[in-house]
C-alpha atoms as a PDB file:
ATOM      1  CA  UNK A   1       3.809  30.777 -21.384  1.00  0.00           C
ATOM      2  CA  UNK A   2       6.821  30.155 -23.960  1.00  0.00           C
ATOM      3  CA  UNK A   3       7.820  26.765 -25.329  1.00  0.00           C
ATOM      4  CA  UNK A   4      10.737  25.322 -27.111  1.00  0.00           C
ATOM      5  CA  UNK A   5       8.816  21.871 -27.811  1.00  0.00           C
ATOM      6  CA  UNK A   6       5.376  20.473 -27.739  1.00  0.00           C
ATOM      7  CA  UNK A   7       5.210  19.064 -24.057  1.00  0.00           C
ATOM      8  CA  UNK A   8       4.434  20.851 -20.802  1.00  0.00           C
ATOM      9  CA  UNK A   9       4.802  19.653 -17.299  1.00  0.00           C
ATOM     10  CA  UNK A  10       1.720  20.239 -15.143  1.00  0.00           C
ATOM     11  CA  UNK A  11       2.474  20.135 -11.417  1.00  0.00           C
ATOM     12  CA  UNK A  12      -0.774  19.829  -9.760  1.00  0.00           C
ATOM     13  CA  UNK A  13      -1.415  20.873  -6.229  1.00  0.00           C
ATOM     14  CA  UNK A  14       1.843  20.158  -4.728  1.00  0.00           C
ATOM     15  CA  UNK A  15       0.809  22.874  -2.217  1.00  0.00           C
ATOM     16  CA  UNK A  16       1.397  23.358   1.608  1.00  0.00           C
ATOM     17  CA  UNK A  17      -2.549  22.712   2.458  1.00  0.00           C
ATOM     18  CA  UNK A  18      -2.003  19.293   2.307  1.00  0.00           C
ATOM     19  CA  UNK A  19       0.931  19.486   4.934  1.00  0.00           C
ATOM     20  CA  UNK A  20      -1.672  21.312   7.354  1.00  0.00           C
ATOM     21  CA  UNK A  21      -3.039  17.678   7.560  1.00  0.00           C
ATOM     22  CA  UNK A  22      -0.272  16.091   9.443  1.00  0.00           C
ATOM     23  CA  UNK A  23      -2.150  12.441   9.993  1.00  0.00           C
ATOM     24  CA  UNK A  24      -3.247  12.451   6.235  1.00  0.00           C
ATOM     25  CA  UNK A  25       0.243  13.770   5.325  1.00  0.00           C
ATOM     26  CA  UNK A  26       2.179  11.006   7.079  1.00  0.00           C
ATOM     27  CA  UNK A  27       0.098   8.340   5.693  1.00  0.00           C
ATOM     28  CA  UNK A  28       0.779   9.360   2.009  1.00  0.00           C
ATOM     29  CA  UNK A  29       0.837   6.315  -0.046  1.00  0.00           C
ATOM     30  CA  UNK A  30       4.179   7.802  -2.031  1.00  0.00           C
ATOM     31  CA  UNK A  31       6.625   9.280   0.467  1.00  0.00           C
ATOM     32  CA  UNK A  32       8.834   9.586  -2.373  1.00  0.00           C
ATOM     33  CA  UNK A  33       6.372  12.020  -4.470  1.00  0.00           C
ATOM     34  CA  UNK A  34       8.320  15.523  -3.879  1.00  0.00           C
ATOM     35  CA  UNK A  35      11.465  13.873  -4.809  1.00  0.00           C
ATOM     36  CA  UNK A  36       9.833  12.520  -8.123  1.00  0.00           C
ATOM     37  CA  UNK A  37       8.108  15.705  -8.671  1.00  0.00           C
ATOM     38  CA  UNK A  38      11.699  17.609  -8.361  1.00  0.00           C
ATOM     39  CA  UNK A  39      13.363  15.503 -10.574  1.00  0.00           C
ATOM     40  CA  UNK A  40      10.429  15.866 -13.362  1.00  0.00           C
ATOM     41  CA  UNK A  41      10.715  19.689 -12.636  1.00  0.00           C
ATOM     42  CA  UNK A  42      14.542  19.452 -13.393  1.00  0.00           C
ATOM     43  CA  UNK A  43      14.173  17.551 -16.294  1.00  0.00           C
ATOM     44  CA  UNK A  44      11.784  19.755 -18.032  1.00  0.00           C
ATOM     45  CA  UNK A  45      13.649  22.644 -17.585  1.00  0.00           C
ATOM     46  CA  UNK A  46      16.704  21.094 -18.978  1.00  0.00           C
ATOM     47  CA  UNK A  47      14.919  19.875 -22.043  1.00  0.00           C
ATOM     48  CA  UNK A  48      12.880  23.167 -22.311  1.00  0.00           C
ATOM     49  CA  UNK A  49       9.450  21.800 -21.404  1.00  0.00           C
ATOM     50  CA  UNK A  50       7.219  24.754 -19.815  1.00  0.00           C
ATOM     51  CA  UNK A  51       6.366  23.858 -16.068  1.00  0.00           C
ATOM     52  CA  UNK A  52       2.795  24.905 -15.055  1.00  0.00           C
ATOM     53  CA  UNK A  53       2.477  25.143 -11.185  1.00  0.00           C
ATOM     54  CA  UNK A  54      -1.350  24.548 -10.474  1.00  0.00           C
ATOM     55  CA  UNK A  55      -2.737  25.033  -7.079  1.00  0.00           C
ATOM     56  CA  UNK A  56      -6.117  24.286  -5.671  1.00  0.00           C
ATOM     57  CA  UNK A  57      -8.133  27.172  -3.934  1.00  0.00           C
ATOM     58  CA  UNK A  58     -11.501  27.030  -1.759  1.00  0.00           C
ATOM     59  CA  UNK A  59     -12.072  31.153  -0.886  1.00  0.00           C
ATOM     60  CA  UNK A  60     -14.149  31.738   2.210  1.00  0.00           C
ATOM     61  CA  UNK A  61     -14.312  28.187   3.567  1.00  0.00           C
ATOM     62  CA  UNK A  62     -12.012  28.675   6.629  1.00  0.00           C
ATOM     63  CA  UNK A  63     -10.028  25.457   5.674  1.00  0.00           C
ATOM     64  CA  UNK A  64      -6.383  24.549   4.577  1.00  0.00           C
ATOM     65  CA  UNK A  65      -7.447  25.539   0.872  1.00  0.00           C
ATOM     66  CA  UNK A  66      -8.806  29.223   1.702  1.00  0.00           C
ATOM     67  CA  UNK A  67      -6.161  31.201   0.326  1.00  0.00           C
ATOM     68  CA  UNK A  68      -6.653  33.519   3.264  1.00  0.00           C
ATOM     69  CA  UNK A  69      -5.236  30.930   5.826  1.00  0.00           C
ATOM     70  CA  UNK A  70      -1.860  31.149   3.434  1.00  0.00           C
ATOM     71  CA  UNK A  71      -1.341  27.526   2.634  1.00  0.00           C
ATOM     72  CA  UNK A  72      -2.442  27.753  -1.154  1.00  0.00           C
ATOM     73  CA  UNK A  73       0.815  28.020  -2.138  1.00  0.00           C
ATOM     74  CA  UNK A  74       3.667  25.476  -3.839  1.00  0.00           C
ATOM     75  CA  UNK A  75       5.395  23.128  -1.121  1.00  0.00           C
ATOM     76  CA  UNK A  76       8.621  24.664  -0.044  1.00  0.00           C
ATOM     77  CA  UNK A  77      10.969  22.332  -1.384  1.00  0.00           C
ATOM     78  CA  UNK A  78       9.371  22.656  -4.830  1.00  0.00           C
ATOM     79  CA  UNK A  79      10.622  26.342  -5.942  1.00  0.00           C
ATOM     80  CA  UNK A  80       8.860  27.618  -9.173  1.00  0.00           C
ATOM     81  CA  UNK A  81      11.158  29.962 -11.284  1.00  0.00           C
ATOM     82  CA  UNK A  82      10.151  33.304 -12.004  1.00  0.00           C
ATOM     83  CA  UNK A  83       9.064  32.800 -15.602  1.00  0.00           C
ATOM     84  CA  UNK A  84       7.102  29.460 -14.969  1.00  0.00           C
ATOM     85  CA  UNK A  85       3.337  29.824 -15.324  1.00  0.00           C
ATOM     86  CA  UNK A  86       1.145  29.496 -11.953  1.00  0.00           C
ATOM     87  CA  UNK A  87      -2.675  28.736 -12.149  1.00  0.00           C
ATOM     88  CA  UNK A  88      -5.098  28.554  -9.285  1.00  0.00           C
ATOM     89  CA  UNK A  89      -8.164  26.737  -9.538  1.00  0.00           C
ATOM     90  CA  UNK A  90     -11.239  26.178  -7.678  1.00  0.00           C
ATOM     91  CA  UNK A  91     -12.552  22.934  -9.480  1.00  0.00           C
ATOM     92  CA  UNK A  92     -11.050  19.245  -9.452  1.00  0.00           C
ATOM     93  CA  UNK A  93      -9.807  19.496 -12.684  1.00  0.00           C
ATOM     94  CA  UNK A  94      -7.214  21.922 -13.810  1.00  0.00           C
ATOM     95  CA  UNK A  95      -9.367  23.266 -16.797  1.00  0.00           C
ATOM     96  CA  UNK A  96     -12.953  24.235 -16.104  1.00  0.00           C
ATOM     97  CA  UNK A  97     -12.199  27.117 -13.911  1.00  0.00           C
ATOM     98  CA  UNK A  98      -8.980  28.449 -15.238  1.00  0.00           C
ATOM     99  CA  UNK A  99      -7.644  29.733 -18.293  1.00  0.00           C
ATOM    100  CA  UNK A 100      -5.022  26.598 -18.548  1.00  0.00           C
ATOM    101  CA  UNK A 101      -6.220  25.272 -21.890  1.00  0.00           C
ATOM    102  CA  UNK A 102      -6.091  28.395 -23.632  1.00  0.00           C
ATOM    103  CA  UNK A 103      -2.523  29.123 -22.261  1.00  0.00           C
ATOM    104  CA  UNK A 104      -1.258  25.496 -23.640  1.00  0.00           C
ATOM    105  CA  UNK A 105      -2.714  25.681 -27.051  1.00  0.00           C
ATOM    106  CA  UNK A 106      -1.218  29.010 -27.234  1.00  0.00           C
ATOM    107  CA  UNK A 107       2.093  27.771 -26.590  1.00  0.00           C
ATOM    108  CA  UNK A 108       1.639  25.155 -29.209  1.00  0.00           C
ATOM    109  CA  UNK A 109       1.405  22.410 -26.324  1.00  0.00           C
ATOM    110  CA  UNK A 110      -0.043  18.810 -27.683  1.00  0.00           C
ATOM    111  CA  UNK A 111       1.383  16.831 -24.687  1.00  0.00           C
ATOM    112  CA  UNK A 112       0.836  17.300 -21.100  1.00  0.00           C
ATOM    113  CA  UNK A 113       2.862  15.192 -18.322  1.00  0.00           C
ATOM    114  CA  UNK A 114       0.597  15.194 -15.172  1.00  0.00           C
ATOM    115  CA  UNK A 115       2.177  14.770 -11.712  1.00  0.00           C
ATOM    116  CA  UNK A 116       0.971  16.207  -8.087  1.00  0.00           C
ATOM    117  CA  UNK A 117      -1.112  15.253  -5.160  1.00  0.00           C
ATOM    118  CA  UNK A 118      -4.168  13.575  -4.879  1.00  0.00           C
ATOM    119  CA  UNK A 119      -3.851  10.852  -7.571  1.00  0.00           C
ATOM    120  CA  UNK A 120      -6.947   9.960  -8.029  1.00  0.00           C
ATOM    121  CA  UNK A 121      -8.689  13.127  -7.792  1.00  0.00           C
ATOM    122  CA  UNK A 122      -7.273  16.234  -9.421  1.00  0.00           C
ATOM    123  CA  UNK A 123      -4.482  14.360 -11.074  1.00  0.00           C
ATOM    124  CA  UNK A 124      -6.784  11.738 -12.817  1.00  0.00           C
ATOM    125  CA  UNK A 125      -9.536  14.362 -13.253  1.00  0.00           C
ATOM    126  CA  UNK A 126      -7.050  16.641 -15.018  1.00  0.00           C
ATOM    127  CA  UNK A 127      -5.637  13.748 -17.179  1.00  0.00           C
ATOM    128  CA  UNK A 128      -9.143  12.589 -18.100  1.00  0.00           C
ATOM    129  CA  UNK A 129     -10.290  16.374 -19.007  1.00  0.00           C
ATOM    130  CA  UNK A 130      -6.754  16.958 -20.884  1.00  0.00           C
ATOM    131  CA  UNK A 131      -7.236  13.739 -23.060  1.00  0.00           C
ATOM    132  CA  UNK A 132     -10.797  14.866 -24.112  1.00  0.00           C
ATOM    133  CA  UNK A 133      -9.616  18.288 -25.218  1.00  0.00           C
ATOM    134  CA  UNK A 134      -7.233  16.417 -27.547  1.00  0.00           C
ATOM    135  CA  UNK A 135      -4.247  16.739 -25.713  1.00  0.00           C
ATOM    136  CA  UNK A 136      -1.603  13.544 -25.479  1.00  0.00           C
ATOM    137  CA  UNK A 137      -1.437  12.619 -21.555  1.00  0.00           C
ATOM    138  CA  UNK A 138       1.339  11.030 -19.730  1.00  0.00           C
ATOM    139  CA  UNK A 139       0.550  10.436 -16.130  1.00  0.00           C
ATOM    140  CA  UNK A 140       3.596   9.840 -14.133  1.00  0.00           C
ATOM    141  CA  UNK A 141       2.178   7.545 -11.159  1.00  0.00           C
ATOM    142  CA  UNK A 142       5.132   7.487  -8.752  1.00  0.00           C
ATOM    143  CA  UNK A 143       5.377  11.581  -8.986  1.00  0.00           C
ATOM    144  CA  UNK A 144       1.854  11.359  -7.631  1.00  0.00           C
ATOM    145  CA  UNK A 145       0.459  10.502  -4.005  1.00  0.00           C
ATOM    146  CA  UNK A 146      -2.922   9.979  -1.981  1.00  0.00           C
ATOM    147  CA  UNK A 147      -4.170   8.720   1.197  1.00  0.00           C
ATOM    148  CA  UNK A 148      -6.158   5.791   2.206  1.00  0.00           C
ATOM    149  CA  UNK A 149      -9.815   6.029   2.102  1.00  0.00           C
ATOM    150  CA  UNK A 150     -11.281   5.167   5.507  1.00  0.00           C
ATOM    151  CA  UNK A 151     -14.360   2.688   5.527  1.00  0.00           C
ATOM    152  CA  UNK A 152     -17.737   4.297   5.680  1.00  0.00           C
ATOM    153  CA  UNK A 153     -20.881   2.542   6.606  1.00  0.00           C
ATOM    154  CA  UNK A 154     -20.854  -0.293   4.342  1.00  0.00           C
ATOM    155  CA  UNK A 155     -17.982   0.691   2.095  1.00  0.00           C
ATOM    156  CA  UNK A 156     -14.921  -1.110   2.829  1.00  0.00           C
ATOM    157  CA  UNK A 157     -11.593   0.926   3.360  1.00  0.00           C
ATOM    158  CA  UNK A 158      -9.319   1.468   0.358  1.00  0.00           C
ATOM    159  CA  UNK A 159      -5.350   1.512   0.646  1.00  0.00           C
ATOM    160  CA  UNK A 160      -3.729   4.530  -1.007  1.00  0.00           C
ATOM    161  CA  UNK A 161      -1.603   1.949  -3.194  1.00  0.00           C
ATOM    162  CA  UNK A 162      -5.073   0.399  -4.459  1.00  0.00           C
ATOM    163  CA  UNK A 163      -6.127   3.826  -5.264  1.00  0.00           C
ATOM    164  CA  UNK A 164      -3.013   4.406  -7.321  1.00  0.00           C
ATOM    165  CA  UNK A 165      -3.116   1.206  -9.122  1.00  0.00           C
ATOM    166  CA  UNK A 166      -6.783   1.829  -9.885  1.00  0.00           C
ATOM    167  CA  UNK A 167      -6.184   5.136 -11.185  1.00  0.00           C
ATOM    168  CA  UNK A 168      -3.318   3.696 -13.662  1.00  0.00           C
ATOM    169  CA  UNK A 169      -5.565   0.819 -14.861  1.00  0.00           C
ATOM    170  CA  UNK A 170      -8.512   3.221 -15.699  1.00  0.00           C
ATOM    171  CA  UNK A 171      -6.384   5.827 -17.320  1.00  0.00           C
ATOM    172  CA  UNK A 172      -4.402   3.278 -19.468  1.00  0.00           C
ATOM    173  CA  UNK A 173      -7.221   0.732 -20.153  1.00  0.00           C
ATOM    174  CA  UNK A 174      -9.595   3.594 -21.128  1.00  0.00           C
ATOM    175  CA  UNK A 175      -7.157   5.400 -23.424  1.00  0.00           C
ATOM    176  CA  UNK A 176      -7.103   8.571 -21.113  1.00  0.00           C
ATOM    177  CA  UNK A 177      -3.267   8.404 -20.585  1.00  0.00           C
ATOM    178  CA  UNK A 178      -0.006   6.491 -20.977  1.00  0.00           C
ATOM    179  CA  UNK A 179       1.145   5.549 -17.756  1.00  0.00           C
ATOM    180  CA  UNK A 180       4.847   6.022 -16.710  1.00  0.00           C
ATOM    181  CA  UNK A 181       7.177   6.572 -14.123  1.00  0.00           C
ATOM    182  CA  UNK A 182       9.958   9.358 -13.115  1.00  0.00           C
ATOM    183  CA  UNK A 183      12.776   7.290 -14.303  1.00  0.00           C
ATOM    184  CA  UNK A 184      11.399   6.205 -17.701  1.00  0.00           C
ATOM    185  CA  UNK A 185       9.827   9.397 -18.294  1.00  0.00           C
ATOM    186  CA  UNK A 186      13.334  11.303 -17.755  1.00  0.00           C
ATOM    187  CA  UNK A 187      15.046   8.523 -19.827  1.00  0.00           C
ATOM    188  CA  UNK A 188      12.577   8.270 -22.515  1.00  0.00           C
ATOM    189  CA  UNK A 189      12.847  12.049 -23.380  1.00  0.00           C
ATOM    190  CA  UNK A 190      16.532  12.472 -23.268  1.00  0.00           C
ATOM    191  CA  UNK A 191      17.143   9.848 -25.967  1.00  0.00           C
END
């Protein structure tokens, strides 16, 4: 990975696996997620920020994240460039089971911009770990998405929108990340 700036865009789990759950994908809290990710990717390429494509894999499970089924690949509408880094993880965050930290530090990256799928899971967890590792973190919430969590026993259902707002609140209030949106991120780094 080569960098002309100290910022990298991490595109987390924007992969075909999620579309193999049609009911879940149709109920996404943010239908504009792929458009916003594409805008961030185009902008990163324009300003010389490296783009890192991260996918989640669960080998041997027989589910949609099992690479043997062929869905552990970036969603078709998003086209990684040949020279962009690709990392496959087997943990919720993008660092623990990969060499992502070494790649970023080796390229002189100090700030990561996070977008992708499952706001409160892989995106939020990666943001927290990145902050713990000393990276400055920008979390572009409107370039993430999730789905509602149905009620379970005595626990009430939680809407996707509520999950996204909760993630913003916790990451911001606890100092893990600066919360932003696609338009602001693109405008701020262009100025």
